[in-house]
Each structure stands twice: as C-alpha cells, then as structure tokens.
Amino acid sequence: MSGINDAQLQEILDEVFRRVNTKRSELDVKKPGWYQQRSWTPAEEGSFIDWLTAYLQKNLKLSKRWARKEAEKFSSFFGWSIKPSP
C-alpha cells in the first residue's frame, strides 16, 4: 500500500494480531511463514477486511472501492491462514 507510514503499518499489524488474540511479541514476524502460525475463519477475515477498508478510507483518503481492493490484497499477503471448514 503506497502512502502508508510506519506508524500506520504498525497499527494495522497490531489489529491483525488482535483479531487472533495474539501479541506481536509472541511470533517472530521476520521468519518466513510467520502468518501461517495462526488462523482465522472466513468471517473473521471478512471482518478485518471491513475494518481495514474503513481505516484506509479515513487515514489515506482512499475511495471505498480502492480501499477495499487494498484491504483484500493486504489480507491475502499478510493475513492469517484460513481455518478449514468443519
């Protein structure tokens, strides 16, 4: 996401971790595959994408459509693995 600063990125990552009841200090995000150590449901991912869409609209002044695309892209690269369906 262009235009995002380090403080905003930290806030977004904190929210990613908060969504799975984990602190960033619990995982080494410099290790490859760190995002595979936790998982969330499709509904939890959708809720995060909604949150991030609103965040990007407010903080980066993106249109809703563009913010949604960026949020979906962010989640696909940096979101947790999806829990398998029962």
N, C-alpha and C. Protein backbone atom coordinates (compact mmCIF):
# COMPACT_ATOMS: atom_id res chain seq x y z
N MET A 1 0.85 -1.17 0.00
CA MET A 1 0.00 0.00 0.00
C MET A 1 0.89 1.23 0.00
N SER A 2 0.80 1.99 -1.03
CA SER A 2 1.60 3.20 -1.08
C SER A 2 0.94 4.28 -0.23
N GLY A 3 1.74 5.14 0.32
CA GLY A 3 1.23 6.24 1.11
C GLY A 3 1.06 5.92 2.58
N ILE A 4 1.29 4.69 2.96
CA ILE A 4 1.14 4.31 4.36
C ILE A 4 2.47 4.50 5.08
N ASN A 5 2.41 5.05 6.28
CA ASN A 5 3.66 5.25 7.02
C ASN A 5 3.87 4.12 8.01
N ASP A 6 5.04 4.11 8.64
CA ASP A 6 5.39 3.02 9.56
C ASP A 6 4.42 2.91 10.73
N ALA A 7 4.01 4.04 11.28
CA ALA A 7 3.09 4.01 12.43
C ALA A 7 1.75 3.40 12.02
N GLN A 8 1.26 3.74 10.83
CA GLN A 8 0.00 3.17 10.35
C GLN A 8 0.15 1.67 10.11
N LEU A 9 1.27 1.26 9.53
CA LEU A 9 1.50 -0.16 9.30
C LEU A 9 1.53 -0.92 10.63
N GLN A 10 2.16 -0.35 11.63
CA GLN A 10 2.21 -0.98 12.95
C GLN A 10 0.80 -1.12 13.52
N GLU A 11 -0.01 -0.08 13.35
CA GLU A 11 -1.39 -0.12 13.85
C GLU A 11 -2.20 -1.22 13.15
N ILE A 12 -2.01 -1.35 11.85
CA ILE A 12 -2.71 -2.38 11.08
C ILE A 12 -2.25 -3.77 11.52
N LEU A 13 -0.94 -3.95 11.66
CA LEU A 13 -0.44 -5.25 12.10
C LEU A 13 -0.91 -5.59 13.51
N ASP A 14 -0.96 -4.59 14.38
CA ASP A 14 -1.49 -4.82 15.73
C ASP A 14 -2.92 -5.34 15.66
N GLU A 15 -3.70 -4.79 14.74
CA GLU A 15 -5.09 -5.24 14.58
C GLU A 15 -5.14 -6.66 14.04
N VAL A 16 -4.26 -7.01 13.11
CA VAL A 16 -4.20 -8.37 12.58
C VAL A 16 -3.96 -9.35 13.73
N PHE A 17 -3.02 -9.03 14.59
CA PHE A 17 -2.71 -9.90 15.72
C PHE A 17 -3.83 -9.92 16.75
N ARG A 18 -4.42 -8.76 17.02
CA ARG A 18 -5.50 -8.67 17.99
C ARG A 18 -6.67 -9.58 17.60
N ARG A 19 -6.90 -9.68 16.31
CA ARG A 19 -8.03 -10.47 15.81
C ARG A 19 -7.90 -11.96 16.13
N VAL A 20 -6.68 -12.43 16.42
CA VAL A 20 -6.49 -13.84 16.79
C VAL A 20 -5.94 -13.96 18.21
N ASN A 21 -6.20 -12.94 19.02
CA ASN A 21 -5.80 -12.93 20.44
C ASN A 21 -4.32 -13.26 20.64
N THR A 22 -3.49 -12.60 19.83
CA THR A 22 -2.05 -12.83 19.89
C THR A 22 -1.34 -11.48 19.91
N LYS A 23 -0.26 -11.42 20.67
CA LYS A 23 0.59 -10.22 20.66
C LYS A 23 1.70 -10.44 19.65
N ARG A 24 2.11 -9.36 19.02
CA ARG A 24 3.17 -9.49 18.01
C ARG A 24 4.45 -10.04 18.61
N SER A 25 4.69 -9.78 19.88
CA SER A 25 5.90 -10.27 20.54
C SER A 25 5.91 -11.80 20.65
N GLU A 26 4.75 -12.43 20.47
CA GLU A 26 4.66 -13.88 20.56
C GLU A 26 5.16 -14.60 19.31
N LEU A 27 5.24 -13.90 18.19
CA LEU A 27 5.69 -14.51 16.93
C LEU A 27 6.83 -13.69 16.34
N ASP A 28 7.75 -14.36 15.70
CA ASP A 28 8.85 -13.69 15.03
C ASP A 28 8.42 -13.39 13.59
N VAL A 29 8.00 -12.15 13.35
CA VAL A 29 7.49 -11.79 12.02
C VAL A 29 8.58 -11.70 10.97
N LYS A 30 9.83 -11.87 11.38
CA LYS A 30 10.93 -11.87 10.40
C LYS A 30 11.17 -13.26 9.84
N LYS A 31 10.56 -14.27 10.47
CA LYS A 31 10.70 -15.64 9.98
C LYS A 31 9.72 -15.87 8.83
N PRO A 32 10.15 -16.54 7.78
CA PRO A 32 9.22 -16.86 6.69
C PRO A 32 8.06 -17.70 7.22
N GLY A 33 6.88 -17.41 6.74
CA GLY A 33 5.69 -18.17 7.09
C GLY A 33 5.11 -17.88 8.46
N TRP A 34 5.52 -16.76 9.08
CA TRP A 34 5.01 -16.42 10.42
C TRP A 34 3.49 -16.34 10.43
N TYR A 35 2.91 -15.93 9.34
CA TYR A 35 1.45 -15.75 9.23
C TYR A 35 0.71 -17.08 9.15
N GLN A 36 1.43 -18.18 9.03
CA GLN A 36 0.80 -19.50 8.99
C GLN A 36 0.71 -20.13 10.39
N GLN A 37 1.21 -19.42 11.39
CA GLN A 37 1.21 -19.96 12.76
C GLN A 37 -0.11 -19.71 13.48
N ARG A 38 -0.99 -18.92 12.90
CA ARG A 38 -2.31 -18.67 13.45
C ARG A 38 -3.29 -18.77 12.29
N SER A 39 -4.57 -18.84 12.60
CA SER A 39 -5.57 -18.89 11.52
C SER A 39 -6.83 -18.19 11.99
N TRP A 40 -7.65 -17.83 11.00
CA TRP A 40 -8.94 -17.22 11.29
C TRP A 40 -9.97 -17.76 10.33
N THR A 41 -11.22 -17.58 10.68
CA THR A 41 -12.30 -18.07 9.83
C THR A 41 -12.50 -17.08 8.68
N PRO A 42 -13.19 -17.50 7.63
CA PRO A 42 -13.51 -16.55 6.57
C PRO A 42 -14.28 -15.33 7.09
N ALA A 43 -15.15 -15.54 8.07
CA ALA A 43 -15.91 -14.41 8.64
C ALA A 43 -14.98 -13.45 9.39
N GLU A 44 -14.01 -14.00 10.12
CA GLU A 44 -13.04 -13.15 10.82
C GLU A 44 -12.19 -12.36 9.84
N GLU A 45 -11.78 -13.02 8.76
CA GLU A 45 -11.02 -12.33 7.74
C GLU A 45 -11.86 -11.22 7.11
N GLY A 46 -13.11 -11.52 6.82
CA GLY A 46 -14.02 -10.53 6.24
C GLY A 46 -14.20 -9.33 7.15
N SER A 47 -14.30 -9.58 8.44
CA SER A 47 -14.44 -8.50 9.41
C SER A 47 -13.19 -7.63 9.42
N PHE A 48 -12.02 -8.27 9.34
CA PHE A 48 -10.77 -7.50 9.28
C PHE A 48 -10.72 -6.67 8.01
N ILE A 49 -11.10 -7.24 6.89
CA ILE A 49 -11.08 -6.50 5.62
C ILE A 49 -12.02 -5.30 5.70
N ASP A 50 -13.17 -5.48 6.32
CA ASP A 50 -14.09 -4.34 6.52
C ASP A 50 -13.43 -3.26 7.38
N TRP A 51 -12.78 -3.68 8.47
CA TRP A 51 -12.09 -2.72 9.35
C TRP A 51 -11.01 -1.98 8.59
N LEU A 52 -10.18 -2.74 7.84
CA LEU A 52 -9.07 -2.12 7.12
C LEU A 52 -9.58 -1.20 6.01
N THR A 53 -10.66 -1.56 5.37
CA THR A 53 -11.25 -0.70 4.33
C THR A 53 -11.61 0.65 4.94
N ALA A 54 -12.29 0.63 6.06
CA ALA A 54 -12.68 1.88 6.73
C ALA A 54 -11.45 2.66 7.19
N TYR A 55 -10.45 1.95 7.70
CA TYR A 55 -9.21 2.58 8.16
C TYR A 55 -8.52 3.31 7.00
N LEU A 56 -8.42 2.64 5.86
CA LEU A 56 -7.74 3.23 4.69
C LEU A 56 -8.53 4.41 4.13
N GLN A 57 -9.85 4.30 4.15
CA GLN A 57 -10.67 5.43 3.69
C GLN A 57 -10.42 6.65 4.57
N LYS A 58 -10.38 6.44 5.87
CA LYS A 58 -10.21 7.55 6.80
C LYS A 58 -8.80 8.11 6.78
N ASN A 59 -7.80 7.23 6.84
CA ASN A 59 -6.42 7.68 7.03
C ASN A 59 -5.66 7.97 5.75
N LEU A 60 -6.01 7.31 4.67
CA LEU A 60 -5.33 7.57 3.40
C LEU A 60 -6.23 8.26 2.39
N LYS A 61 -7.48 8.52 2.80
CA LYS A 61 -8.45 9.22 1.95
C LYS A 61 -8.68 8.48 0.63
N LEU A 62 -8.71 7.15 0.71
CA LEU A 62 -8.98 6.36 -0.48
C LEU A 62 -10.49 6.22 -0.68
N SER A 63 -10.90 6.04 -1.92
CA SER A 63 -12.31 5.74 -2.17
C SER A 63 -12.62 4.38 -1.57
N LYS A 64 -13.89 4.12 -1.32
CA LYS A 64 -14.28 2.85 -0.72
C LYS A 64 -13.84 1.68 -1.60
N ARG A 65 -14.04 1.81 -2.88
CA ARG A 65 -13.68 0.73 -3.81
C ARG A 65 -12.19 0.46 -3.79
N TRP A 66 -11.37 1.51 -3.84
CA TRP A 66 -9.92 1.35 -3.85
C TRP A 66 -9.44 0.81 -2.50
N ALA A 67 -10.01 1.34 -1.41
CA ALA A 67 -9.63 0.89 -0.08
C ALA A 67 -9.94 -0.59 0.09
N ARG A 68 -11.08 -1.04 -0.42
CA ARG A 68 -11.47 -2.45 -0.33
C ARG A 68 -10.47 -3.33 -1.08
N LYS A 69 -10.08 -2.91 -2.28
CA LYS A 69 -9.10 -3.68 -3.06
C LYS A 69 -7.78 -3.79 -2.30
N GLU A 70 -7.35 -2.68 -1.73
CA GLU A 70 -6.09 -2.67 -0.98
C GLU A 70 -6.19 -3.54 0.27
N ALA A 71 -7.33 -3.49 0.95
CA ALA A 71 -7.54 -4.30 2.16
C ALA A 71 -7.53 -5.79 1.81
N GLU A 72 -8.18 -6.15 0.72
CA GLU A 72 -8.20 -7.55 0.30
C GLU A 72 -6.80 -8.03 -0.08
N LYS A 73 -6.07 -7.17 -0.77
CA LYS A 73 -4.70 -7.52 -1.15
C LYS A 73 -3.81 -7.69 0.09
N PHE A 74 -3.94 -6.76 1.04
CA PHE A 74 -3.16 -6.84 2.27
C PHE A 74 -3.47 -8.14 3.00
N SER A 75 -4.74 -8.46 3.11
CA SER A 75 -5.14 -9.68 3.82
C SER A 75 -4.61 -10.93 3.12
N SER A 76 -4.60 -10.93 1.81
CA SER A 76 -4.12 -12.11 1.10
C SER A 76 -2.61 -12.29 1.26
N PHE A 77 -1.87 -11.20 1.44
CA PHE A 77 -0.42 -11.29 1.62
C PHE A 77 -0.02 -11.43 3.08
N PHE A 78 -0.71 -10.75 3.98
CA PHE A 78 -0.28 -10.67 5.37
C PHE A 78 -1.31 -11.17 6.38
N GLY A 79 -2.44 -11.66 5.89
CA GLY A 79 -3.45 -12.20 6.80
C GLY A 79 -3.10 -13.61 7.22
N TRP A 80 -3.84 -14.10 8.18
CA TRP A 80 -3.63 -15.46 8.68
C TRP A 80 -4.16 -16.49 7.70
N SER A 81 -3.74 -17.71 7.90
CA SER A 81 -4.29 -18.81 7.13
C SER A 81 -5.77 -18.94 7.47
N ILE A 82 -6.54 -19.44 6.53
CA ILE A 82 -7.97 -19.65 6.76
C ILE A 82 -8.18 -21.01 7.42
N LYS A 83 -8.98 -21.01 8.48
CA LYS A 83 -9.29 -22.29 9.16
C LYS A 83 -10.08 -23.16 8.21
N PRO A 84 -9.74 -24.44 8.17
CA PRO A 84 -10.51 -25.35 7.31
C PRO A 84 -11.95 -25.48 7.80
N SER A 85 -12.85 -25.67 6.87
CA SER A 85 -14.27 -25.85 7.23
C SER A 85 -14.44 -27.18 7.96
N PRO A 86 -15.33 -27.22 8.95
CA PRO A 86 -15.54 -28.48 9.70
C PRO A 86 -16.20 -29.54 8.85
